[in-house]
Amino acid sequence: MPAAPLPTDATPTHAVRYLANLRDVGGLPTLDGRRTRPGVLWRSDAPLADDAARGPEGRAWPPGSVVDLRNPEELDGRPHPLAEAAELTPLPLIQALAPGVLMRGAPPERRQRRGLDELYLLLIRTGEAWMPDLVRVAAHGPGPLLVHCAAGKDRTGVAVALLLRAAGVTRDAVAADFAATNDHRLALRDRLALQGALEPVTDPGRVGVEPAHLEAVLDLLDDDPRAPLRDAGVPQADLDAWRARLIDGT
C-alpha cells in the first residue's frame, strides 16, 4: 500500500534535537512464538554532533556499536559523532554498487534509472562486501547495536530486514517495521532540512517509504532467510550467535 501523503509544512515544527527515525526492534514476533529482545538492535537516521552527548529521552545512550551504511562522501570530511563513544564500523553500501553492477542485466533504458526495489535487490547481490561484517558486529560487538544510514529507511531498511529475518522474525513483522518510517516523516523531513539535505518546505511524503519496494527482498528470503547471508560468506556460527543474542528464550 502506498504511503499516505502528508501536507507540506513550510516551517519545521517537530523536534530535531534527537534522532527522528530511531526505534528499537524489540518485541517483534518470531516464527517459533518467541520475541526479539529490546535493547539489542536499534535503527535510525544519521546521528548529528549533539547526539553524541545526549540521546533520546528515556533511552540508555550511547549505543555500544554503530554500523554506518553511508558513503564517506556523505560525511563531508566530518568525523562520525559517535566515533569516540561507540565501536564504529563503516559499511558503505552504495559503494558496493559499482557501475558494472548497476548496469548488469539491465536494458539500456533502465541503466541510468533503477527503481528502489531493484536497488534493494542489488544490495543483497553485493552482500559479500558488507553482510559478513554486519552480522559479525551484530552477533559479537558491544551492545546495543545502532544501524543507520542518512534517513534510516532504504539502506537501513534492507540491512535490518536481513538481520531480523535471519533471526527468525516473521515476514509480516519485518514489513511492518520497514513501513514504520512513515510514522516519522515530519520529524525526519525537519531533521534532514536541518542538515541541508532537504529544503524545509519539502513535502514530508518524499522522505517516507513504499512498503511494496521491500516485497522482492522479502520474497527472496521466504524459503531460507539465511541463504543470502551464507552465500555472501557469513559464517553459520555468527548467524546462530546473532539469533541467540536477539531472540528471547534462545
Protein backbone atom coordinates (compact mmCIF):
# COMPACT_ATOMS: atom_id res chain seq x y z
CA MET A 1 0.00 0.00 0.00
CA PRO A 2 1.49 3.41 -0.94
CA ALA A 3 2.42 5.78 1.87
CA ALA A 4 -0.35 8.27 2.53
CA PRO A 5 0.60 11.82 1.51
CA LEU A 6 1.29 14.33 4.24
CA PRO A 7 0.77 18.10 3.98
CA THR A 8 3.69 20.31 3.12
CA ASP A 9 4.71 22.49 6.05
CA ALA A 10 6.98 25.45 5.38
CA THR A 11 8.14 25.72 8.97
CA PRO A 12 9.75 22.79 10.79
CA THR A 13 7.64 22.21 13.87
CA HIS A 14 8.85 18.81 15.06
CA ALA A 15 11.73 18.23 17.43
CA VAL A 16 15.03 17.84 15.61
CA ARG A 17 17.21 17.61 18.72
CA TYR A 18 17.20 13.83 18.66
CA LEU A 19 17.21 11.12 16.04
CA ALA A 20 13.94 11.37 14.14
CA ASN A 21 13.70 7.80 12.85
CA LEU A 22 15.16 5.92 15.81
CA ARG A 23 13.47 2.78 17.03
CA ASP A 24 14.29 -0.34 18.99
CA VAL A 25 13.18 -3.51 17.21
CA GLY A 26 12.49 -5.31 20.48
CA GLY A 27 9.20 -7.14 20.90
CA LEU A 28 8.81 -8.44 17.34
CA PRO A 29 7.35 -11.95 16.95
CA THR A 30 9.28 -14.90 15.55
CA LEU A 31 8.05 -17.89 13.60
CA ASP A 32 8.50 -20.15 16.65
CA GLY A 33 6.47 -17.95 19.01
CA ARG A 34 9.28 -16.03 20.68
CA ARG A 35 10.03 -12.29 20.68
CA THR A 36 13.01 -10.10 19.94
CA ARG A 37 14.75 -8.67 22.99
CA PRO A 38 14.67 -4.90 23.49
CA GLY A 39 17.96 -3.06 23.84
CA VAL A 40 19.80 -5.24 21.30
CA LEU A 41 19.21 -3.65 17.86
CA TRP A 42 18.33 -0.05 17.11
CA ARG A 43 17.85 1.56 13.70
CA SER A 44 17.85 5.26 12.89
CA ASP A 45 18.71 8.18 10.68
CA ALA A 46 22.22 9.66 10.87
CA PRO A 47 23.36 11.00 14.26
CA LEU A 48 24.38 14.64 14.46
CA ALA A 49 27.05 16.22 16.65
CA ASP A 50 24.68 16.91 19.55
CA ASP A 51 23.58 13.27 19.58
CA ALA A 52 26.93 12.10 20.94
CA ALA A 53 26.39 13.60 24.36
CA ARG A 54 22.67 13.14 24.76
CA GLY A 55 20.32 10.65 23.27
CA PRO A 56 16.54 10.43 23.11
CA GLU A 57 14.78 10.86 26.41
CA GLY A 58 14.13 7.66 28.30
CA ARG A 59 16.73 5.63 26.39
CA ALA A 60 20.13 4.42 27.52
CA TRP A 61 22.76 6.17 25.45
CA PRO A 62 25.14 5.87 23.62
CA PRO A 63 24.99 2.53 21.77
CA GLY A 64 27.88 0.12 22.20
CA SER A 65 28.34 -0.47 18.46
CA VAL A 66 27.43 1.61 15.42
CA VAL A 67 27.23 0.42 11.82
CA ASP A 68 27.20 3.39 9.43
CA LEU A 69 25.91 2.44 5.97
CA ARG A 70 26.69 5.80 4.33
CA ASN A 71 29.40 6.53 1.81
CA PRO A 72 32.38 8.54 3.12
CA GLU A 73 31.35 11.40 0.83
CA GLU A 74 28.15 11.80 2.81
CA LEU A 75 30.19 12.68 5.90
CA ASP A 76 31.84 15.55 4.01
CA GLY A 77 35.07 15.07 5.93
CA ARG A 78 33.41 15.24 9.36
CA PRO A 79 34.13 12.56 11.96
CA HIS A 80 31.23 10.37 12.98
CA PRO A 81 29.58 11.94 16.06
CA LEU A 82 29.65 8.62 17.95
CA ALA A 83 33.16 7.54 16.94
CA GLU A 84 34.57 8.26 20.42
CA ALA A 85 31.62 6.80 22.31
CA ALA A 86 30.94 3.55 20.44
CA GLU A 87 32.69 0.92 18.37
CA LEU A 88 32.18 2.25 14.83
CA THR A 89 32.06 0.07 11.70
CA PRO A 90 31.65 1.91 8.38
CA LEU A 91 29.92 -0.26 5.75
CA PRO A 92 29.25 1.95 2.71
CA LEU A 93 26.52 0.02 0.94
CA ILE A 94 26.18 2.23 -2.11
CA GLN A 95 29.91 1.96 -2.80
CA ALA A 96 29.29 -1.76 -3.26
CA LEU A 97 27.13 -0.87 -6.24
CA ALA A 98 29.92 -0.27 -8.75
CA PRO A 99 28.86 0.93 -12.22
CA GLY A 100 29.28 -2.55 -13.65
CA VAL A 101 26.93 -3.96 -11.03
CA LEU A 102 24.34 -1.27 -11.61
CA MET A 103 24.36 -1.96 -15.35
CA ARG A 104 24.43 -5.75 -15.16
CA GLY A 105 21.38 -7.30 -16.77
CA ALA A 106 19.57 -4.01 -17.30
CA PRO A 107 18.23 -2.89 -20.67
CA PRO A 108 19.75 0.38 -21.92
CA GLU A 109 16.73 2.47 -20.96
CA ARG A 110 16.97 1.27 -17.33
CA ARG A 111 20.72 1.55 -16.83
CA GLN A 112 20.62 5.12 -15.61
CA ARG A 113 17.49 4.84 -13.51
CA ARG A 114 16.79 1.91 -11.24
CA GLY A 115 13.72 1.55 -9.06
CA LEU A 116 14.25 1.24 -5.32
CA ASP A 117 13.03 -2.35 -5.39
CA GLU A 118 15.79 -3.19 -7.89
CA LEU A 119 18.40 -1.32 -5.86
CA TYR A 120 17.35 -3.21 -2.72
CA LEU A 121 17.96 -6.50 -4.53
CA LEU A 122 21.29 -5.26 -5.87
CA LEU A 123 22.39 -4.52 -2.31
CA ILE A 124 21.74 -8.15 -1.45
CA ARG A 125 23.57 -9.38 -4.55
CA THR A 126 26.66 -7.44 -3.42
CA GLY A 127 26.35 -8.84 0.09
CA GLU A 128 29.91 -10.21 0.21
CA ALA A 129 31.07 -6.59 0.57
CA TRP A 130 29.10 -5.89 3.74
CA MET A 131 27.00 -8.74 5.15
CA PRO A 132 29.79 -10.67 6.94
CA ASP A 133 30.88 -7.57 8.86
CA LEU A 134 27.30 -6.56 9.64
CA VAL A 135 26.44 -9.93 11.17
CA ARG A 136 29.80 -10.16 12.96
CA VAL A 137 29.19 -6.84 14.70
CA ALA A 138 25.56 -7.71 15.41
CA ALA A 139 26.50 -11.06 16.93
CA HIS A 140 29.65 -10.18 18.82
CA GLY A 141 30.10 -6.40 19.11
CA PRO A 142 29.30 -4.35 22.22
CA GLY A 143 25.59 -3.71 22.56
CA PRO A 144 23.23 -2.20 21.84
CA LEU A 145 23.90 -2.04 18.10
CA LEU A 146 22.76 1.02 16.15
CA VAL A 147 22.43 0.57 12.37
CA HIS A 148 21.90 3.75 10.39
CA CYS A 149 22.34 5.46 7.03
CA ALA A 150 21.26 9.03 6.20
CA ALA A 151 17.50 8.79 6.70
CA GLY A 152 17.34 5.29 8.21
CA LYS A 153 14.87 3.98 5.68
CA ASP A 154 16.31 2.41 2.50
CA ARG A 155 19.81 1.06 3.18
CA THR A 156 18.98 0.64 6.84
CA GLY A 157 15.66 -0.95 5.93
CA VAL A 158 17.33 -3.64 3.80
CA ALA A 159 20.08 -4.36 6.35
CA VAL A 160 17.68 -4.59 9.28
CA ALA A 161 15.24 -6.74 7.31
CA LEU A 162 18.06 -9.22 6.65
CA LEU A 163 19.08 -9.27 10.31
CA LEU A 164 15.54 -9.74 11.54
CA ARG A 165 14.57 -12.46 9.07
CA ALA A 166 17.86 -14.31 9.68
CA ALA A 167 17.00 -14.40 13.38
CA GLY A 168 13.54 -15.85 12.70
CA VAL A 169 11.30 -12.76 12.85
CA THR A 170 8.12 -13.15 10.83
CA ARG A 171 7.80 -11.60 7.40
CA ASP A 172 4.80 -9.50 8.44
CA ALA A 173 6.65 -8.06 11.43
CA VAL A 174 9.66 -7.15 9.27
CA ALA A 175 7.40 -5.48 6.70
CA ALA A 176 5.67 -3.50 9.45
CA ASP A 177 8.99 -2.36 10.90
CA PHE A 178 10.08 -1.17 7.46
CA ALA A 179 6.84 0.76 6.97
CA ALA A 180 7.10 2.37 10.42
CA THR A 181 9.40 5.03 8.95
CA ASN A 182 6.23 6.65 7.60
CA ASP A 183 5.18 7.42 11.19
CA HIS A 184 8.23 9.72 11.47
CA ARG A 185 8.11 11.56 8.15
CA LEU A 186 7.53 15.05 9.50
CA ALA A 187 10.31 14.90 12.08
CA LEU A 188 12.62 13.19 9.60
CA ARG A 189 11.95 15.89 6.99
CA ASP A 190 12.80 18.56 9.57
CA ARG A 191 15.91 16.71 10.65
CA LEU A 192 17.18 16.36 7.07
CA ALA A 193 16.39 20.03 6.42
CA LEU A 194 18.50 20.95 9.45
CA GLN A 195 21.43 19.16 7.79
CA GLY A 196 20.87 20.93 4.47
CA ALA A 197 19.86 17.69 2.74
CA LEU A 198 16.32 18.93 2.03
CA GLU A 199 14.52 22.23 1.72
CA PRO A 200 12.35 22.99 4.79
CA VAL A 201 9.30 23.21 2.51
CA THR A 202 9.80 19.68 1.10
CA ASP A 203 6.69 17.54 1.19
CA PRO A 204 7.36 15.10 4.06
CA GLY A 205 5.82 12.34 1.96
CA ARG A 206 9.02 12.36 -0.07
CA VAL A 207 11.04 11.02 2.86
CA GLY A 208 8.74 8.11 3.53
CA VAL A 209 8.95 4.56 2.21
CA GLU A 210 6.80 2.49 -0.12
CA PRO A 211 6.25 -0.86 1.61
CA ALA A 212 5.90 -2.54 -1.79
CA HIS A 213 9.54 -1.76 -2.56
CA LEU A 214 10.68 -4.30 0.04
CA GLU A 215 8.47 -7.11 -1.24
CA ALA A 216 11.06 -8.52 -3.66
CA VAL A 217 13.59 -8.75 -0.84
CA LEU A 218 11.06 -10.45 1.44
CA ASP A 219 10.15 -12.87 -1.35
CA LEU A 220 13.83 -13.75 -1.74
CA LEU A 221 14.06 -14.50 1.98
CA ASP A 222 10.90 -16.60 2.27
CA ASP A 223 12.30 -20.08 1.54
CA ASP A 224 15.52 -19.70 3.53
CA PRO A 225 16.06 -16.29 5.19
CA ARG A 226 19.71 -17.07 5.86
CA ALA A 227 20.63 -18.18 2.35
CA PRO A 228 21.72 -14.75 1.00
CA LEU A 229 23.85 -14.22 4.10
CA ARG A 230 25.52 -17.63 3.81
CA ASP A 231 26.06 -17.06 0.10
CA ALA A 232 27.77 -13.77 0.96
CA GLY A 233 30.20 -15.56 3.28
CA VAL A 234 28.56 -15.09 6.68
CA PRO A 235 29.62 -17.98 8.95
CA GLN A 236 26.85 -20.17 10.32
CA ALA A 237 28.28 -19.67 13.83
CA ASP A 238 27.76 -15.91 13.53
CA LEU A 239 24.17 -16.38 12.36
CA ASP A 240 23.46 -18.66 15.31
CA ALA A 241 25.13 -16.26 17.75
CA TRP A 242 23.09 -13.39 16.34
CA ARG A 243 19.80 -15.26 16.81
CA ALA A 244 20.77 -16.20 20.36
CA ARG A 245 21.52 -12.57 21.12
CA LEU A 246 18.36 -11.09 19.64
CA ILE A 247 15.68 -13.66 20.40
CA ASP A 248 14.31 -14.08 23.90
CA GLY A 249 14.38 -17.63 25.23
CA THR A 250 17.18 -18.90 22.95
